[in-house]
Amino acid sequence: MLNRNELDPDRSPKARFGVRLRALRDEQGWTQEELAERLGYSGTHISAVENGRRPPTSRFATRADRVLGTGGRLERQGRSLRQPAVLDGFPEYVERETQAAEIRLYEVGVIPGLLQTPEYAAVLAESHVKRGAITAEQANERVAVVARRQAALVRTPPPQVFVVLDESCIRRPIGGTDVMDAQWDRLVEFAEAPNTVLQVAPFAMGARRPFDLPLYILTLPDRKLTSYAESTQRGYLERDMTSVLPLLAAYHQLQAEALSQASSTAMLEQLRKGTP
């Protein structure tokens, strides 16, 4: 096709939305003008969204979901563009997480979102508001994202979920005693599920711990691998299998060095009883 721009999905979240919209339009065999007519927009508007020059509004994304039969996925992706408190790369990671056959994660400092109670998530979000890092509206959306992620994992068949928590995650007090007691209960409940493994990486591991920052690794149904890592400033989604494989090997090493699930839950029981 003449004058067809090459789109780079890594350029920005808006560009990723545009790439997906174009791919879906191509699957239908429609031109930009034909999609525009179905959505009630101009062809120029469609071109601007596809090329990442114009962000999709909620109205646009909702109509596109209906016309393209995408079940709300475009609206969710579009919503993430209006959620600046979320690091770049995370919305796409969450979308892939809902499809993953296996989820592996390592977390430092806080309980990961997939395992947070609503109260724990709310305290964390509120602390960011008090520091001026996000608005109250963004805090509410963060808590809602946690709930949506957890709900999306209750599917048939469920994914296999492997979690390694740095010891700092379970010892750092978030909220009052009631919040932490409920959170520890949630972790024990998670460990008892047939499709999960929960381990604690104790402080005693020292330099043997292969990761210093949180890491998430997904195995998709086609066995392709995706990883997501983040610092305080940015997130990065890695789609290249050759880059993810060494991380997966290091994660297996981490699991081997961490406490067993039985020893990990015993540590949680001690914390619930108030013993060191």
C-alpha atoms as a PDB file:
ATOM      1  CA  MET A   1       0.000   0.000   0.000  1.00  0.00           C
ATOM      2  CA  LEU A   2       1.415   3.409  -0.983  1.00  0.00           C
ATOM      3  CA  ASN A   3       2.118   6.094   1.665  1.00  0.00           C
ATOM      4  CA  ARG A   4       1.524   3.687   4.530  1.00  0.00           C
ATOM      5  CA  ASN A   5       3.449   4.870   7.583  1.00  0.00           C
ATOM      6  CA  GLU A   6       5.432   2.368   9.614  1.00  0.00           C
ATOM      7  CA  LEU A   7       4.257   2.563  13.206  1.00  0.00           C
ATOM      8  CA  ASP A   8       6.532   1.951  16.203  1.00  0.00           C
ATOM      9  CA  PRO A   9       4.530   0.656  19.196  1.00  0.00           C
ATOM     10  CA  ASP A  10       7.455   1.381  21.545  1.00  0.00           C
ATOM     11  CA  ARG A  11       7.428   5.090  20.780  1.00  0.00           C
ATOM     12  CA  SER A  12       4.666   5.890  23.262  1.00  0.00           C
ATOM     13  CA  PRO A  13       1.451   4.509  24.799  1.00  0.00           C
ATOM     14  CA  LYS A  14      -0.515   6.467  22.188  1.00  0.00           C
ATOM     15  CA  ALA A  15       1.526   4.793  19.464  1.00  0.00           C
ATOM     16  CA  ARG A  16       0.780   1.344  20.913  1.00  0.00           C
ATOM     17  CA  PHE A  17      -2.934   2.111  20.843  1.00  0.00           C
ATOM     18  CA  GLY A  18      -2.630   3.273  17.241  1.00  0.00           C
ATOM     19  CA  VAL A  19      -0.773   0.119  16.194  1.00  0.00           C
ATOM     20  CA  ARG A  20      -3.477  -2.053  17.745  1.00  0.00           C
ATOM     21  CA  LEU A  21      -6.262  -0.038  16.141  1.00  0.00           C
ATOM     22  CA  ARG A  22      -4.657  -0.328  12.704  1.00  0.00           C
ATOM     23  CA  ALA A  23      -4.103  -4.077  13.116  1.00  0.00           C
ATOM     24  CA  LEU A  24      -7.749  -4.594  14.064  1.00  0.00           C
ATOM     25  CA  ARG A  25      -8.900  -2.455  11.130  1.00  0.00           C
ATOM     26  CA  ASP A  26      -6.666  -4.453   8.768  1.00  0.00           C
ATOM     27  CA  GLU A  27      -8.167  -7.698  10.056  1.00  0.00           C
ATOM     28  CA  GLN A  28     -11.572  -6.426   8.953  1.00  0.00           C
ATOM     29  CA  GLY A  29     -10.224  -5.329   5.570  1.00  0.00           C
ATOM     30  CA  TRP A  30     -11.462  -1.767   6.119  1.00  0.00           C
ATOM     31  CA  THR A  31      -9.898   1.505   5.022  1.00  0.00           C
ATOM     32  CA  GLN A  32      -9.567   4.371   7.471  1.00  0.00           C
ATOM     33  CA  GLU A  33     -12.561   6.018   5.832  1.00  0.00           C
ATOM     34  CA  GLU A  34     -14.663   2.859   6.206  1.00  0.00           C
ATOM     35  CA  LEU A  35     -13.799   2.546   9.889  1.00  0.00           C
ATOM     36  CA  ALA A  36     -14.432   6.253  10.347  1.00  0.00           C
ATOM     37  CA  GLU A  37     -17.922   5.927   8.879  1.00  0.00           C
ATOM     38  CA  ARG A  38     -18.758   3.078  11.258  1.00  0.00           C
ATOM     39  CA  LEU A  39     -17.453   4.992  14.291  1.00  0.00           C
ATOM     40  CA  GLY A  40     -18.945   8.366  13.387  1.00  0.00           C
ATOM     41  CA  TYR A  41     -15.579  10.113  13.011  1.00  0.00           C
ATOM     42  CA  SER A  42     -13.594  11.466  10.079  1.00  0.00           C
ATOM     43  CA  GLY A  43     -10.883   9.564   8.267  1.00  0.00           C
ATOM     44  CA  THR A  44      -8.435  12.276   9.378  1.00  0.00           C
ATOM     45  CA  HIS A  45      -9.336  11.537  12.988  1.00  0.00           C
ATOM     46  CA  ILE A  46      -8.712   7.799  12.504  1.00  0.00           C
ATOM     47  CA  SER A  47      -5.353   8.555  10.878  1.00  0.00           C
ATOM     48  CA  ALA A  48      -4.315  10.787  13.774  1.00  0.00           C
ATOM     49  CA  VAL A  49      -5.182   8.117  16.354  1.00  0.00           C
ATOM     50  CA  GLU A  50      -3.457   5.347  14.409  1.00  0.00           C
ATOM     51  CA  ASN A  51      -0.294   7.428  14.043  1.00  0.00           C
ATOM     52  CA  GLY A  52      -0.219   8.364  17.736  1.00  0.00           C
ATOM     53  CA  ARG A  53      -0.852  12.055  17.117  1.00  0.00           C
ATOM     54  CA  ARG A  54      -4.198  12.091  18.929  1.00  0.00           C
ATOM     55  CA  PRO A  55      -5.081  10.163  22.099  1.00  0.00           C
ATOM     56  CA  PRO A  56      -8.299   8.109  22.010  1.00  0.00           C
ATOM     57  CA  THR A  57     -11.123   9.493  24.112  1.00  0.00           C
ATOM     58  CA  SER A  58     -13.264   7.163  26.192  1.00  0.00           C
ATOM     59  CA  ARG A  59     -16.109   7.672  23.700  1.00  0.00           C
ATOM     60  CA  PHE A  60     -13.850   6.786  20.753  1.00  0.00           C
ATOM     61  CA  ALA A  61     -12.397   3.659  22.389  1.00  0.00           C
ATOM     62  CA  THR A  62     -15.818   2.430  23.516  1.00  0.00           C
ATOM     63  CA  ARG A  63     -17.255   2.806  20.021  1.00  0.00           C
ATOM     64  CA  ALA A  64     -14.204   1.074  18.529  1.00  0.00           C
ATOM     65  CA  ASP A  65     -14.661  -1.848  20.931  1.00  0.00           C
ATOM     66  CA  ARG A  66     -18.274  -2.214  19.831  1.00  0.00           C
ATOM     67  CA  VAL A  67     -17.560  -1.955  16.092  1.00  0.00           C
ATOM     68  CA  LEU A  68     -14.438  -4.150  16.157  1.00  0.00           C
ATOM     69  CA  GLY A  69     -15.797  -6.652  18.681  1.00  0.00           C
ATOM     70  CA  THR A  70     -12.861  -6.344  21.084  1.00  0.00           C
ATOM     71  CA  GLY A  71     -14.807  -6.792  24.305  1.00  0.00           C
ATOM     72  CA  GLY A  72     -13.682  -3.620  26.072  1.00  0.00           C
ATOM     73  CA  ARG A  73      -9.942  -4.100  25.505  1.00  0.00           C
ATOM     74  CA  LEU A  74      -9.506  -0.872  23.555  1.00  0.00           C
ATOM     75  CA  GLU A  75     -11.381   1.115  26.188  1.00  0.00           C
ATOM     76  CA  ARG A  76      -9.142  -0.336  28.921  1.00  0.00           C
ATOM     77  CA  GLN A  77      -6.021   0.463  26.926  1.00  0.00           C
ATOM     78  CA  GLY A  78      -7.319   3.950  26.196  1.00  0.00           C
ATOM     79  CA  ARG A  79      -8.106   4.481  29.872  1.00  0.00           C
ATOM     80  CA  SER A  80      -4.484   3.726  30.734  1.00  0.00           C
ATOM     81  CA  LEU A  81      -3.392   6.647  28.518  1.00  0.00           C
ATOM     82  CA  ARG A  82      -5.373   8.958  30.772  1.00  0.00           C
ATOM     83  CA  GLN A  83      -3.753   7.455  33.874  1.00  0.00           C
ATOM     84  CA  PRO A  84      -0.350   9.202  34.102  1.00  0.00           C
ATOM     85  CA  ALA A  85       0.429   7.803  37.555  1.00  0.00           C
ATOM     86  CA  VAL A  86       0.966   4.376  35.966  1.00  0.00           C
ATOM     87  CA  LEU A  87       4.447   3.781  34.576  1.00  0.00           C
ATOM     88  CA  ASP A  88       4.947   3.338  30.856  1.00  0.00           C
ATOM     89  CA  GLY A  89       4.749  -0.294  29.811  1.00  0.00           C
ATOM     90  CA  PHE A  90       2.546  -1.362  32.702  1.00  0.00           C
ATOM     91  CA  PRO A  91      -0.849  -1.117  30.939  1.00  0.00           C
ATOM     92  CA  GLU A  92       0.362  -3.418  28.145  1.00  0.00           C
ATOM     93  CA  TYR A  93       1.824  -5.777  30.727  1.00  0.00           C
ATOM     94  CA  VAL A  94      -1.539  -5.944  32.525  1.00  0.00           C
ATOM     95  CA  GLU A  95      -3.293  -6.714  29.238  1.00  0.00           C
ATOM     96  CA  ARG A  96      -0.919  -9.626  28.619  1.00  0.00           C
ATOM     97  CA  GLU A  97      -1.249 -10.752  32.225  1.00  0.00           C
ATOM     98  CA  THR A  98      -4.941 -11.460  31.661  1.00  0.00           C
ATOM     99  CA  GLN A  99      -3.977 -13.932  28.920  1.00  0.00           C
ATOM    100  CA  ALA A 100      -0.931 -15.573  30.525  1.00  0.00           C
ATOM    101  CA  ALA A 101      -0.743 -19.297  31.237  1.00  0.00           C
ATOM    102  CA  GLU A 102       1.999 -18.767  33.825  1.00  0.00           C
ATOM    103  CA  ILE A 103       2.852 -15.702  35.896  1.00  0.00           C
ATOM    104  CA  ARG A 104       6.122 -15.373  37.789  1.00  0.00           C
ATOM    105  CA  LEU A 105       6.893 -12.381  39.919  1.00  0.00           C
ATOM    106  CA  TYR A 106       9.441 -11.106  42.387  1.00  0.00           C
ATOM    107  CA  GLU A 107       8.662  -8.108  44.557  1.00  0.00           C
ATOM    108  CA  VAL A 108      10.640  -5.923  46.962  1.00  0.00           C
ATOM    109  CA  GLY A 109       9.299  -3.704  49.738  1.00  0.00           C
ATOM    110  CA  VAL A 110       5.536  -4.085  49.235  1.00  0.00           C
ATOM    111  CA  ILE A 111       3.050  -6.866  48.615  1.00  0.00           C
ATOM    112  CA  PRO A 112       2.436  -7.075  44.829  1.00  0.00           C
ATOM    113  CA  GLY A 113      -0.911  -5.924  43.482  1.00  0.00           C
ATOM    114  CA  LEU A 114      -2.109  -9.422  42.603  1.00  0.00           C
ATOM    115  CA  LEU A 115      -1.971 -10.369  46.288  1.00  0.00           C
ATOM    116  CA  GLN A 116      -3.024  -7.102  47.973  1.00  0.00           C
ATOM    117  CA  THR A 117      -6.166  -6.789  50.036  1.00  0.00           C
ATOM    118  CA  PRO A 118      -8.337  -3.761  49.162  1.00  0.00           C
ATOM    119  CA  GLU A 119      -7.387  -2.141  52.477  1.00  0.00           C
ATOM    120  CA  TYR A 120      -3.663  -2.601  51.874  1.00  0.00           C
ATOM    121  CA  ALA A 121      -3.981  -1.214  48.333  1.00  0.00           C
ATOM    122  CA  ALA A 122      -5.945   1.789  49.619  1.00  0.00           C
ATOM    123  CA  VAL A 123      -3.334   2.646  52.268  1.00  0.00           C
ATOM    124  CA  LEU A 124      -0.555   2.524  49.681  1.00  0.00           C
ATOM    125  CA  ALA A 125      -2.487   4.718  47.248  1.00  0.00           C
ATOM    126  CA  GLU A 126      -3.388   7.220  49.962  1.00  0.00           C
ATOM    127  CA  SER A 127       0.255   7.512  51.004  1.00  0.00           C
ATOM    128  CA  HIS A 128       1.114   8.595  47.450  1.00  0.00           C
ATOM    129  CA  VAL A 129      -1.637  11.226  47.584  1.00  0.00           C
ATOM    130  CA  LYS A 130      -0.259  12.617  50.858  1.00  0.00           C
ATOM    131  CA  ARG A 131       3.177  12.958  49.274  1.00  0.00           C
ATOM    132  CA  GLY A 132       1.665  14.781  46.306  1.00  0.00           C
ATOM    133  CA  ALA A 133       2.785  12.089  43.850  1.00  0.00           C
ATOM    134  CA  ILE A 134      -0.730  11.418  42.521  1.00  0.00           C
ATOM    135  CA  THR A 135      -4.210  12.885  42.842  1.00  0.00           C
ATOM    136  CA  ALA A 136      -7.054  11.385  44.870  1.00  0.00           C
ATOM    137  CA  GLU A 137      -8.722  10.374  41.602  1.00  0.00           C
ATOM    138  CA  GLN A 138      -5.581   8.581  40.458  1.00  0.00           C
ATOM    139  CA  ALA A 139      -5.381   6.845  43.830  1.00  0.00           C
ATOM    140  CA  ASN A 140      -8.909   5.503  43.369  1.00  0.00           C
ATOM    141  CA  GLU A 141      -7.972   4.278  39.900  1.00  0.00           C
ATOM    142  CA  ARG A 142      -4.893   2.504  41.257  1.00  0.00           C
ATOM    143  CA  VAL A 143      -7.040   0.609  43.738  1.00  0.00           C
ATOM    144  CA  ALA A 144      -9.511  -0.193  40.960  1.00  0.00           C
ATOM    145  CA  VAL A 145      -6.685  -1.510  38.761  1.00  0.00           C
ATOM    146  CA  VAL A 146      -5.639  -3.879  41.565  1.00  0.00           C
ATOM    147  CA  ALA A 147      -9.202  -5.198  41.805  1.00  0.00           C
ATOM    148  CA  ARG A 148      -9.528  -5.610  38.024  1.00  0.00           C
ATOM    149  CA  ARG A 149      -6.232  -7.492  37.793  1.00  0.00           C
ATOM    150  CA  GLN A 150      -7.238  -9.901  40.545  1.00  0.00           C
ATOM    151  CA  ALA A 151     -10.696 -10.458  39.060  1.00  0.00           C
ATOM    152  CA  ALA A 152      -9.210 -11.149  35.623  1.00  0.00           C
ATOM    153  CA  LEU A 153      -7.192 -14.046  37.047  1.00  0.00           C
ATOM    154  CA  VAL A 154     -10.279 -15.903  38.214  1.00  0.00           C
ATOM    155  CA  ARG A 155     -10.760 -17.757  34.950  1.00  0.00           C
ATOM    156  CA  THR A 156     -10.926 -21.304  33.639  1.00  0.00           C
ATOM    157  CA  PRO A 157      -8.364 -22.701  33.474  1.00  0.00           C
ATOM    158  CA  PRO A 158      -6.581 -20.451  35.965  1.00  0.00           C
ATOM    159  CA  PRO A 159      -2.971 -19.413  35.342  1.00  0.00           C
ATOM    160  CA  GLN A 160      -0.135 -20.918  37.341  1.00  0.00           C
ATOM    161  CA  VAL A 161       1.175 -18.149  39.586  1.00  0.00           C
ATOM    162  CA  PHE A 162       4.648 -18.285  41.141  1.00  0.00           C
ATOM    163  CA  VAL A 163       5.496 -15.563  43.663  1.00  0.00           C
ATOM    164  CA  VAL A 164       8.761 -14.831  45.448  1.00  0.00           C
ATOM    165  CA  LEU A 165       8.578 -12.015  47.990  1.00  0.00           C
ATOM    166  CA  ASP A 166      11.628 -10.350  49.442  1.00  0.00           C
ATOM    167  CA  GLU A 167      11.343 -10.581  53.224  1.00  0.00           C
ATOM    168  CA  SER A 168      10.937  -6.799  53.325  1.00  0.00           C
ATOM    169  CA  CYS A 169       7.499  -7.203  51.699  1.00  0.00           C
ATOM    170  CA  ILE A 170       6.010  -9.078  54.632  1.00  0.00           C
ATOM    171  CA  ARG A 171       7.814  -7.213  57.419  1.00  0.00           C
ATOM    172  CA  ARG A 172       7.174  -3.645  56.250  1.00  0.00           C
ATOM    173  CA  PRO A 173       4.107  -2.351  58.139  1.00  0.00           C
ATOM    174  CA  ILE A 174       1.481  -0.801  55.870  1.00  0.00           C
ATOM    175  CA  GLY A 175      -1.511   0.655  57.713  1.00  0.00           C
ATOM    176  CA  GLY A 176      -2.503  -0.562  61.155  1.00  0.00           C
ATOM    177  CA  THR A 177      -2.451  -3.990  62.733  1.00  0.00           C
ATOM    178  CA  ASP A 178      -5.804  -4.933  61.240  1.00  0.00           C
ATOM    179  CA  VAL A 179      -4.584  -4.150  57.714  1.00  0.00           C
ATOM    180  CA  MET A 180      -1.445  -6.242  58.101  1.00  0.00           C
ATOM    181  CA  ASP A 181      -3.245  -9.146  59.791  1.00  0.00           C
ATOM    182  CA  ALA A 182      -5.709  -9.300  56.898  1.00  0.00           C
ATOM    183  CA  GLN A 183      -2.867  -9.045  54.384  1.00  0.00           C
ATOM    184  CA  TRP A 184      -0.931 -11.912  55.983  1.00  0.00           C
ATOM    185  CA  ASP A 185      -4.145 -13.967  55.965  1.00  0.00           C
ATOM    186  CA  ARG A 186      -4.501 -13.211  52.260  1.00  0.00           C
ATOM    187  CA  LEU A 187      -0.971 -14.462  51.560  1.00  0.00           C
ATOM    188  CA  VAL A 188      -1.575 -17.732  53.413  1.00  0.00           C
ATOM    189  CA  GLU A 189      -4.860 -18.177  51.524  1.00  0.00           C
ATOM    190  CA  PHE A 190      -3.037 -17.560  48.247  1.00  0.00           C
ATOM    191  CA  ALA A 191      -0.393 -20.172  49.098  1.00  0.00           C
ATOM    192  CA  GLU A 192      -3.081 -22.796  49.716  1.00  0.00           C
ATOM    193  CA  ALA A 193      -4.542 -22.534  46.202  1.00  0.00           C
ATOM    194  CA  PRO A 194      -3.755 -25.455  43.856  1.00  0.00           C
ATOM    195  CA  ASN A 195      -2.371 -23.225  41.082  1.00  0.00           C
ATOM    196  CA  THR A 196      -0.008 -21.089  43.161  1.00  0.00           C
ATOM    197  CA  VAL A 197       3.405 -21.175  44.812  1.00  0.00           C
ATOM    198  CA  LEU A 198       4.456 -18.597  47.408  1.00  0.00           C
ATOM    199  CA  GLN A 199       8.032 -18.266  48.650  1.00  0.00           C
ATOM    200  CA  VAL A 200       9.923 -15.733  50.731  1.00  0.00           C
ATOM    201  CA  ALA A 201      13.466 -14.687  49.839  1.00  0.00           C
ATOM    202  CA  PRO A 202      14.942 -14.129  53.325  1.00  0.00           C
ATOM    203  CA  PHE A 203      17.337 -11.319  54.183  1.00  0.00           C
ATOM    204  CA  ALA A 204      19.930 -14.037  54.857  1.00  0.00           C
ATOM    205  CA  MET A 205      20.212 -14.672  51.105  1.00  0.00           C
ATOM    206  CA  GLY A 206      22.327 -11.528  50.902  1.00  0.00           C
ATOM    207  CA  ALA A 207      24.268 -11.269  47.651  1.00  0.00           C
ATOM    208  CA  ARG A 208      22.842 -14.566  46.393  1.00  0.00           C
ATOM    209  CA  ARG A 209      19.635 -12.762  45.500  1.00  0.00           C
ATOM    210  CA  PRO A 210      19.799 -12.340  41.691  1.00  0.00           C
ATOM    211  CA  PHE A 211      17.436  -9.336  41.464  1.00  0.00           C
ATOM    212  CA  ASP A 212      17.450  -5.982  43.242  1.00  0.00           C
ATOM    213  CA  LEU A 213      14.286  -4.630  41.616  1.00  0.00           C
ATOM    214  CA  PRO A 214      10.798  -6.097  41.092  1.00  0.00           C
ATOM    215  CA  LEU A 215      10.445  -8.417  38.119  1.00  0.00           C
ATOM    216  CA  TYR A 216       7.455  -9.999  36.379  1.00  0.00           C
ATOM    217  CA  ILE A 217       7.682 -12.778  33.783  1.00  0.00           C
ATOM    218  CA  LEU A 218       4.718 -14.035  31.761  1.00  0.00           C
ATOM    219  CA  THR A 219       4.423 -17.244  29.767  1.00  0.00           C
ATOM    220  CA  LEU A 220       1.669 -16.760  27.209  1.00  0.00           C
ATOM    221  CA  PRO A 221      -0.501 -19.603  25.866  1.00  0.00           C
ATOM    222  CA  ASP A 222       1.760 -19.898  22.784  1.00  0.00           C
ATOM    223  CA  ARG A 223       4.739 -20.272  25.207  1.00  0.00           C
ATOM    224  CA  LYS A 224       6.185 -16.905  24.259  1.00  0.00           C
ATOM    225  CA  LEU A 225       7.769 -15.007  27.132  1.00  0.00           C
ATOM    226  CA  THR A 226       7.332 -11.394  28.216  1.00  0.00           C
ATOM    227  CA  SER A 227       8.977  -9.650  31.146  1.00  0.00           C
ATOM    228  CA  TYR A 228       8.231  -6.401  32.918  1.00  0.00           C
ATOM    229  CA  ALA A 229      10.549  -4.557  35.280  1.00  0.00           C
ATOM    230  CA  GLU A 230      10.354  -1.117  36.800  1.00  0.00           C
ATOM    231  CA  SER A 231      12.212   1.424  38.869  1.00  0.00           C
ATOM    232  CA  THR A 232      10.693   4.391  40.668  1.00  0.00           C
ATOM    233  CA  GLN A 233      10.788   6.403  37.430  1.00  0.00           C
ATOM    234  CA  ARG A 234       9.891   4.066  34.580  1.00  0.00           C
ATOM    235  CA  GLY A 235       8.673   0.641  33.582  1.00  0.00           C
ATOM    236  CA  TYR A 236       9.982  -1.492  30.751  1.00  0.00           C
ATOM    237  CA  LEU A 237       8.208  -4.283  28.905  1.00  0.00           C
ATOM    238  CA  GLU A 238      10.523  -6.775  27.196  1.00  0.00           C
ATOM    239  CA  ARG A 239       9.034  -8.834  24.360  1.00  0.00           C
ATOM    240  CA  ASP A 240      12.246 -10.358  22.953  1.00  0.00           C
ATOM    241  CA  MET A 241      12.462 -14.033  23.940  1.00  0.00           C
ATOM    242  CA  THR A 242      16.276 -14.044  23.841  1.00  0.00           C
ATOM    243  CA  SER A 243      16.332 -11.230  26.392  1.00  0.00           C
ATOM    244  CA  VAL A 244      13.719 -12.802  28.686  1.00  0.00           C
ATOM    245  CA  LEU A 245      15.227 -16.301  28.815  1.00  0.00           C
ATOM    246  CA  PRO A 246      18.229 -15.276  31.008  1.00  0.00           C
ATOM    247  CA  LEU A 247      15.806 -13.587  33.393  1.00  0.00           C
ATOM    248  CA  LEU A 248      13.745 -16.766  33.585  1.00  0.00           C
ATOM    249  CA  ALA A 249      16.879 -18.775  34.380  1.00  0.00           C
ATOM    250  CA  ALA A 250      17.795 -16.313  37.125  1.00  0.00           C
ATOM    251  CA  TYR A 251      14.248 -16.535  38.478  1.00  0.00           C
ATOM    252  CA  HIS A 252      14.565 -20.319  38.754  1.00  0.00           C
ATOM    253  CA  GLN A 253      17.801 -19.766  40.682  1.00  0.00           C
ATOM    254  CA  LEU A 254      15.951 -17.375  42.988  1.00  0.00           C
ATOM    255  CA  GLN A 255      13.267 -19.983  43.644  1.00  0.00           C
ATOM    256  CA  ALA A 256      15.900 -22.568  44.493  1.00  0.00           C
ATOM    257  CA  GLU A 257      17.586 -20.231  47.002  1.00  0.00           C
ATOM    258  CA  ALA A 258      14.369 -18.901  48.584  1.00  0.00           C
ATOM    259  CA  LEU A 259      12.534 -20.537  51.469  1.00  0.00           C
ATOM    260  CA  SER A 260      10.189 -23.395  50.625  1.00  0.00           C
ATOM    261  CA  GLN A 261       6.478 -22.648  50.597  1.00  0.00           C
ATOM    262  CA  ALA A 262       6.068 -24.479  53.894  1.00  0.00           C
ATOM    263  CA  SER A 263       8.834 -22.432  55.550  1.00  0.00           C
ATOM    264  CA  SER A 264       7.475 -19.240  53.980  1.00  0.00           C
ATOM    265  CA  THR A 265       3.964 -19.775  55.337  1.00  0.00           C
ATOM    266  CA  ALA A 266       5.465 -20.676  58.725  1.00  0.00           C
ATOM    267  CA  MET A 267       7.185 -17.268  58.724  1.00  0.00           C
ATOM    268  CA  LEU A 268       3.833 -15.638  57.941  1.00  0.00           C
ATOM    269  CA  GLU A 269       2.178 -17.544  60.802  1.00  0.00           C
ATOM    270  CA  GLN A 270       4.833 -16.239  63.182  1.00  0.00           C
ATOM    271  CA  LEU A 271       4.150 -12.685  62.041  1.00  0.00           C
ATOM    272  CA  ARG A 272       0.409 -13.165  62.522  1.00  0.00           C
ATOM    273  CA  LYS A 273       1.070 -14.345  66.078  1.00  0.00           C
ATOM    274  CA  GLY A 274       3.319 -11.358  66.755  1.00  0.00           C
ATOM    275  CA  THR A 275       6.494 -13.388  67.163  1.00  0.00           C
ATOM    276  CA  PRO A 276       9.757 -12.462  65.403  1.00  0.00           C
END
